[in-house]
N, C-alpha and C. Protein backbone atom coordinates (compact mmCIF):
# COMPACT_ATOMS: atom_id res chain seq x y z
N UNK A 1 36.70 -60.62 -129.61
CA UNK A 1 36.07 -61.25 -128.46
C UNK A 1 35.04 -60.28 -127.91
N UNK A 2 33.88 -60.81 -127.57
CA UNK A 2 32.85 -59.96 -126.99
C UNK A 2 32.91 -60.01 -125.47
N UNK A 3 32.23 -59.06 -124.84
CA UNK A 3 32.26 -58.93 -123.38
C UNK A 3 31.75 -60.18 -122.69
N UNK A 4 30.68 -60.76 -123.22
CA UNK A 4 30.08 -61.92 -122.56
C UNK A 4 31.04 -63.10 -122.54
N UNK A 5 31.71 -63.35 -123.66
CA UNK A 5 32.65 -64.46 -123.71
C UNK A 5 33.87 -64.18 -122.84
N UNK A 6 34.35 -62.95 -122.84
CA UNK A 6 35.49 -62.60 -121.98
C UNK A 6 35.13 -62.81 -120.52
N UNK A 7 33.93 -62.39 -120.13
CA UNK A 7 33.49 -62.56 -118.74
C UNK A 7 33.36 -64.04 -118.40
N UNK A 8 32.86 -64.85 -119.34
CA UNK A 8 32.72 -66.28 -119.08
C UNK A 8 34.09 -66.93 -118.90
N UNK A 9 35.04 -66.57 -119.74
CA UNK A 9 36.40 -67.13 -119.63
C UNK A 9 37.02 -66.76 -118.29
N UNK A 10 36.90 -65.50 -117.92
CA UNK A 10 37.48 -65.06 -116.65
C UNK A 10 36.78 -65.72 -115.46
N UNK A 11 35.48 -65.91 -115.58
CA UNK A 11 34.73 -66.60 -114.53
C UNK A 11 35.20 -68.04 -114.37
N UNK A 12 35.39 -68.72 -115.48
CA UNK A 12 35.86 -70.11 -115.42
C UNK A 12 37.23 -70.19 -114.77
N UNK A 13 38.11 -69.28 -115.12
CA UNK A 13 39.46 -69.31 -114.55
C UNK A 13 39.49 -68.77 -113.12
N UNK A 14 38.39 -68.16 -112.68
CA UNK A 14 38.30 -67.64 -111.32
C UNK A 14 38.05 -68.73 -110.28
N UNK A 15 37.80 -69.94 -110.74
CA UNK A 15 37.62 -71.07 -109.82
C UNK A 15 38.97 -71.77 -109.65
N UNK A 16 39.36 -72.04 -108.41
CA UNK A 16 40.69 -72.60 -108.15
C UNK A 16 40.91 -73.95 -108.83
N UNK A 17 39.91 -74.82 -108.84
CA UNK A 17 40.07 -76.13 -109.47
C UNK A 17 40.25 -75.97 -110.97
N UNK A 18 39.42 -75.13 -111.60
CA UNK A 18 39.55 -74.94 -113.05
C UNK A 18 40.86 -74.24 -113.39
N UNK A 19 41.30 -73.34 -112.54
CA UNK A 19 42.59 -72.69 -112.76
C UNK A 19 43.72 -73.72 -112.69
N UNK A 20 43.65 -74.63 -111.72
CA UNK A 20 44.66 -75.70 -111.62
C UNK A 20 44.66 -76.59 -112.85
N UNK A 21 43.47 -76.93 -113.34
CA UNK A 21 43.37 -77.76 -114.54
C UNK A 21 43.99 -77.04 -115.72
N UNK A 22 43.64 -75.78 -115.90
CA UNK A 22 44.15 -75.02 -117.04
C UNK A 22 45.67 -74.88 -116.96
N UNK A 23 46.18 -74.57 -115.80
CA UNK A 23 47.64 -74.43 -115.64
C UNK A 23 48.37 -75.74 -115.91
N UNK A 24 47.77 -76.84 -115.46
CA UNK A 24 48.36 -78.16 -115.74
C UNK A 24 48.41 -78.42 -117.23
N UNK A 25 47.35 -78.07 -117.94
CA UNK A 25 47.32 -78.28 -119.39
C UNK A 25 48.30 -77.36 -120.11
N UNK A 26 48.47 -76.15 -119.62
CA UNK A 26 49.48 -75.26 -120.19
C UNK A 26 50.86 -75.87 -119.99
N UNK A 27 51.11 -76.40 -118.80
CA UNK A 27 52.39 -77.02 -118.50
C UNK A 27 52.63 -78.25 -119.38
N UNK A 28 51.57 -78.99 -119.68
CA UNK A 28 51.70 -80.20 -120.50
C UNK A 28 52.08 -79.89 -121.94
N UNK A 29 51.80 -78.69 -122.38
CA UNK A 29 52.17 -78.29 -123.74
C UNK A 29 51.19 -78.80 -124.79
N UNK A 30 51.66 -78.84 -126.03
CA UNK A 30 50.80 -79.18 -127.16
C UNK A 30 50.30 -80.62 -127.14
N UNK A 31 51.01 -81.50 -126.46
CA UNK A 31 50.57 -82.89 -126.37
C UNK A 31 49.32 -83.04 -125.51
N UNK A 32 49.13 -82.14 -124.57
CA UNK A 32 47.98 -82.20 -123.69
C UNK A 32 48.05 -83.40 -122.76
N UNK A 33 46.95 -83.67 -122.08
CA UNK A 33 46.86 -84.79 -121.16
C UNK A 33 45.51 -85.46 -121.33
N UNK A 34 45.48 -86.77 -121.13
CA UNK A 34 44.17 -87.42 -121.15
C UNK A 34 43.49 -87.19 -119.80
N UNK A 35 42.22 -87.46 -119.77
CA UNK A 35 41.43 -87.17 -118.57
C UNK A 35 41.95 -87.92 -117.36
N UNK A 36 42.34 -89.15 -117.53
CA UNK A 36 42.86 -89.95 -116.41
C UNK A 36 44.13 -89.31 -115.83
N UNK A 37 45.01 -88.79 -116.70
CA UNK A 37 46.24 -88.15 -116.22
C UNK A 37 45.93 -86.88 -115.42
N UNK A 38 44.98 -86.10 -115.90
CA UNK A 38 44.58 -84.89 -115.17
C UNK A 38 44.04 -85.28 -113.80
N UNK A 39 43.18 -86.27 -113.80
CA UNK A 39 42.56 -86.74 -112.55
C UNK A 39 43.62 -87.21 -111.56
N UNK A 40 44.58 -87.99 -112.04
CA UNK A 40 45.64 -88.53 -111.18
C UNK A 40 46.54 -87.41 -110.65
N UNK A 41 46.96 -86.52 -111.52
CA UNK A 41 47.89 -85.47 -111.11
C UNK A 41 47.28 -84.48 -110.13
N UNK A 42 45.98 -84.20 -110.28
CA UNK A 42 45.34 -83.22 -109.42
C UNK A 42 44.53 -83.84 -108.29
N UNK A 43 44.36 -85.15 -108.33
CA UNK A 43 43.61 -85.82 -107.27
C UNK A 43 42.14 -85.41 -107.22
N UNK A 44 41.53 -85.26 -108.40
CA UNK A 44 40.14 -84.82 -108.49
C UNK A 44 39.27 -86.02 -108.84
N UNK A 45 38.14 -86.21 -108.15
CA UNK A 45 37.22 -87.28 -108.53
C UNK A 45 36.73 -87.10 -109.97
N UNK A 46 36.45 -88.19 -110.65
CA UNK A 46 36.06 -88.16 -112.06
C UNK A 46 34.87 -87.25 -112.33
N UNK A 47 33.84 -87.33 -111.51
CA UNK A 47 32.65 -86.52 -111.74
C UNK A 47 32.94 -85.03 -111.55
N UNK A 48 33.76 -84.70 -110.58
CA UNK A 48 34.14 -83.31 -110.35
C UNK A 48 34.98 -82.80 -111.51
N UNK A 49 35.92 -83.60 -111.97
CA UNK A 49 36.75 -83.21 -113.10
C UNK A 49 35.90 -82.98 -114.34
N UNK A 50 34.95 -83.87 -114.60
CA UNK A 50 34.07 -83.73 -115.77
C UNK A 50 33.31 -82.41 -115.70
N UNK A 51 32.80 -82.07 -114.52
CA UNK A 51 32.08 -80.82 -114.34
C UNK A 51 32.96 -79.62 -114.67
N UNK A 52 34.17 -79.59 -114.12
CA UNK A 52 35.08 -78.47 -114.34
C UNK A 52 35.58 -78.40 -115.78
N UNK A 53 35.86 -79.55 -116.37
CA UNK A 53 36.30 -79.55 -117.77
C UNK A 53 35.20 -79.02 -118.69
N UNK A 54 33.95 -79.39 -118.40
CA UNK A 54 32.83 -78.93 -119.22
C UNK A 54 32.80 -77.40 -119.26
N UNK A 55 33.01 -76.76 -118.11
CA UNK A 55 33.03 -75.31 -118.07
C UNK A 55 34.16 -74.72 -118.89
N UNK A 56 35.35 -75.31 -118.78
CA UNK A 56 36.50 -74.82 -119.55
C UNK A 56 36.32 -75.04 -121.05
N UNK A 57 35.72 -76.16 -121.42
CA UNK A 57 35.47 -76.45 -122.84
C UNK A 57 34.41 -75.49 -123.38
N UNK A 58 33.34 -75.26 -122.61
CA UNK A 58 32.28 -74.35 -123.06
C UNK A 58 32.77 -72.92 -123.23
N UNK A 59 33.76 -72.53 -122.45
CA UNK A 59 34.36 -71.20 -122.58
C UNK A 59 35.46 -71.19 -123.63
N UNK A 60 35.67 -72.32 -124.27
CA UNK A 60 36.67 -72.49 -125.34
C UNK A 60 38.10 -72.28 -124.84
N UNK A 61 38.32 -72.50 -123.55
CA UNK A 61 39.67 -72.41 -122.99
C UNK A 61 40.41 -73.74 -123.11
N UNK A 62 39.66 -74.82 -123.24
CA UNK A 62 40.23 -76.16 -123.39
C UNK A 62 39.56 -76.83 -124.58
N UNK A 63 40.36 -77.51 -125.37
CA UNK A 63 39.82 -78.31 -126.48
C UNK A 63 40.06 -79.78 -126.15
N UNK A 64 39.12 -80.59 -126.57
CA UNK A 64 39.23 -82.02 -126.33
C UNK A 64 39.24 -82.75 -127.66
N UNK A 65 40.01 -83.83 -127.72
CA UNK A 65 40.10 -84.64 -128.93
C UNK A 65 40.09 -86.11 -128.53
N UNK A 66 39.26 -86.86 -129.19
CA UNK A 66 39.21 -88.30 -128.93
C UNK A 66 40.34 -88.96 -129.71
N UNK A 67 41.18 -89.68 -129.00
CA UNK A 67 42.32 -90.39 -129.59
C UNK A 67 42.20 -91.84 -129.14
N UNK A 68 41.73 -92.68 -130.03
CA UNK A 68 41.48 -94.06 -129.65
C UNK A 68 40.37 -94.10 -128.61
N UNK A 69 40.68 -94.68 -127.45
CA UNK A 69 39.70 -94.76 -126.36
C UNK A 69 39.84 -93.62 -125.37
N UNK A 70 40.80 -92.74 -125.57
CA UNK A 70 41.07 -91.66 -124.63
C UNK A 70 40.55 -90.34 -125.16
N UNK A 71 40.29 -89.43 -124.24
CA UNK A 71 39.99 -88.05 -124.60
C UNK A 71 41.17 -87.22 -124.10
N UNK A 72 41.84 -86.55 -125.04
CA UNK A 72 42.99 -85.72 -124.72
C UNK A 72 42.53 -84.28 -124.63
N UNK A 73 42.95 -83.62 -123.57
CA UNK A 73 42.60 -82.22 -123.34
C UNK A 73 43.84 -81.36 -123.56
N UNK A 74 43.62 -80.23 -124.20
CA UNK A 74 44.71 -79.28 -124.44
C UNK A 74 44.23 -77.86 -124.12
N UNK A 75 45.13 -77.05 -123.59
CA UNK A 75 44.81 -75.65 -123.36
C UNK A 75 44.70 -74.96 -124.72
N UNK A 76 43.67 -74.15 -124.88
CA UNK A 76 43.48 -73.39 -126.12
C UNK A 76 44.11 -72.01 -125.89
N UNK A 77 45.39 -71.91 -126.19
CA UNK A 77 46.17 -70.71 -125.90
C UNK A 77 45.61 -69.47 -126.59
N UNK A 78 45.10 -69.61 -127.77
CA UNK A 78 44.59 -68.45 -128.51
C UNK A 78 43.40 -67.82 -127.79
N UNK A 79 42.59 -68.65 -127.15
CA UNK A 79 41.43 -68.10 -126.44
C UNK A 79 41.89 -67.24 -125.26
N UNK A 80 42.84 -67.72 -124.49
CA UNK A 80 43.33 -66.92 -123.38
C UNK A 80 44.02 -65.65 -123.90
N UNK A 81 44.74 -65.76 -124.98
CA UNK A 81 45.37 -64.58 -125.58
C UNK A 81 44.32 -63.57 -126.01
N UNK A 82 43.20 -64.06 -126.54
CA UNK A 82 42.12 -63.17 -126.95
C UNK A 82 41.50 -62.45 -125.75
N UNK A 83 41.38 -63.16 -124.63
CA UNK A 83 40.86 -62.53 -123.41
C UNK A 83 41.81 -61.43 -122.95
N UNK A 84 43.09 -61.73 -122.93
CA UNK A 84 44.07 -60.74 -122.50
C UNK A 84 44.06 -59.54 -123.44
N UNK A 85 43.97 -59.79 -124.73
CA UNK A 85 43.90 -58.70 -125.70
C UNK A 85 42.64 -57.87 -125.50
N UNK A 86 41.53 -58.52 -125.20
CA UNK A 86 40.28 -57.81 -124.92
C UNK A 86 40.47 -56.85 -123.74
N UNK A 87 41.15 -57.32 -122.69
CA UNK A 87 41.38 -56.49 -121.52
C UNK A 87 42.31 -55.31 -121.81
N UNK A 88 43.25 -55.52 -122.71
CA UNK A 88 44.24 -54.49 -123.03
C UNK A 88 43.84 -53.62 -124.21
N UNK A 89 42.73 -53.90 -124.84
CA UNK A 89 42.31 -53.28 -126.10
C UNK A 89 42.44 -51.76 -126.11
N UNK A 90 41.98 -51.11 -125.10
CA UNK A 90 42.01 -49.64 -125.09
C UNK A 90 43.00 -49.11 -124.07
N UNK A 91 44.04 -49.86 -123.84
CA UNK A 91 45.05 -49.48 -122.87
C UNK A 91 45.60 -48.09 -123.19
N UNK A 92 45.58 -47.23 -122.20
CA UNK A 92 46.19 -45.90 -122.28
C UNK A 92 45.54 -45.00 -123.34
N UNK A 93 44.32 -45.30 -123.75
CA UNK A 93 43.63 -44.50 -124.77
C UNK A 93 43.04 -43.22 -124.17
N UNK A 94 43.00 -43.16 -122.86
CA UNK A 94 42.42 -41.99 -122.21
C UNK A 94 40.94 -42.19 -121.97
N UNK A 95 40.40 -41.36 -121.13
CA UNK A 95 38.99 -41.46 -120.77
C UNK A 95 38.23 -40.31 -121.42
N UNK A 96 36.94 -40.51 -121.58
CA UNK A 96 36.08 -39.46 -122.11
C UNK A 96 36.07 -38.29 -121.13
N UNK A 97 35.91 -37.08 -121.64
CA UNK A 97 35.84 -35.91 -120.77
C UNK A 97 34.61 -35.93 -119.88
N UNK A 98 33.49 -36.44 -120.41
CA UNK A 98 32.23 -36.48 -119.66
C UNK A 98 32.02 -37.89 -119.13
N UNK A 99 32.23 -38.12 -117.84
CA UNK A 99 32.11 -39.48 -117.30
C UNK A 99 30.70 -40.04 -117.39
N UNK A 100 29.68 -39.21 -117.63
CA UNK A 100 28.31 -39.71 -117.74
C UNK A 100 27.95 -40.04 -119.17
N UNK A 101 28.85 -39.79 -120.11
CA UNK A 101 28.55 -40.00 -121.53
C UNK A 101 28.28 -41.47 -121.86
N UNK A 102 29.01 -42.36 -121.24
CA UNK A 102 28.85 -43.80 -121.52
C UNK A 102 28.84 -44.56 -120.20
N UNK A 103 27.69 -44.58 -119.54
CA UNK A 103 27.65 -45.28 -118.24
C UNK A 103 27.98 -46.75 -118.40
N UNK A 104 28.77 -47.25 -117.48
CA UNK A 104 29.15 -48.67 -117.50
C UNK A 104 27.94 -49.52 -117.12
N UNK A 105 27.73 -50.56 -117.85
CA UNK A 105 26.66 -51.50 -117.51
C UNK A 105 27.23 -52.56 -116.59
N UNK A 106 26.50 -52.87 -115.60
CA UNK A 106 26.93 -53.88 -114.61
C UNK A 106 26.19 -55.17 -114.87
N UNK A 107 26.90 -56.27 -114.65
CA UNK A 107 26.24 -57.57 -114.75
C UNK A 107 25.22 -57.67 -113.62
N UNK A 108 24.12 -58.29 -113.89
CA UNK A 108 23.12 -58.33 -112.84
C UNK A 108 22.49 -59.61 -112.66
């Protein structure tokens, strides 16, 4: 996982509505939920839900599958696992002796 994708995933989950959607899909398990079920359970207007789902799908945190006339959404567990692994990648590896050797780049 690259930094840009990790940042995008974390940004998407940093929104309370998208976090609620993702947690609901995790709770639903491998069967997932269709869009109407998500909308009903969370009380989100259709246009708002579509906006938030688009962000989660673009970050590859949610996958969608057309089943008949419905679109079923599922949490993409591997993507979240990859984000967590990215964060833990150099856990306890120690820091460089010279703190100016590799200046951190900030998003701007």
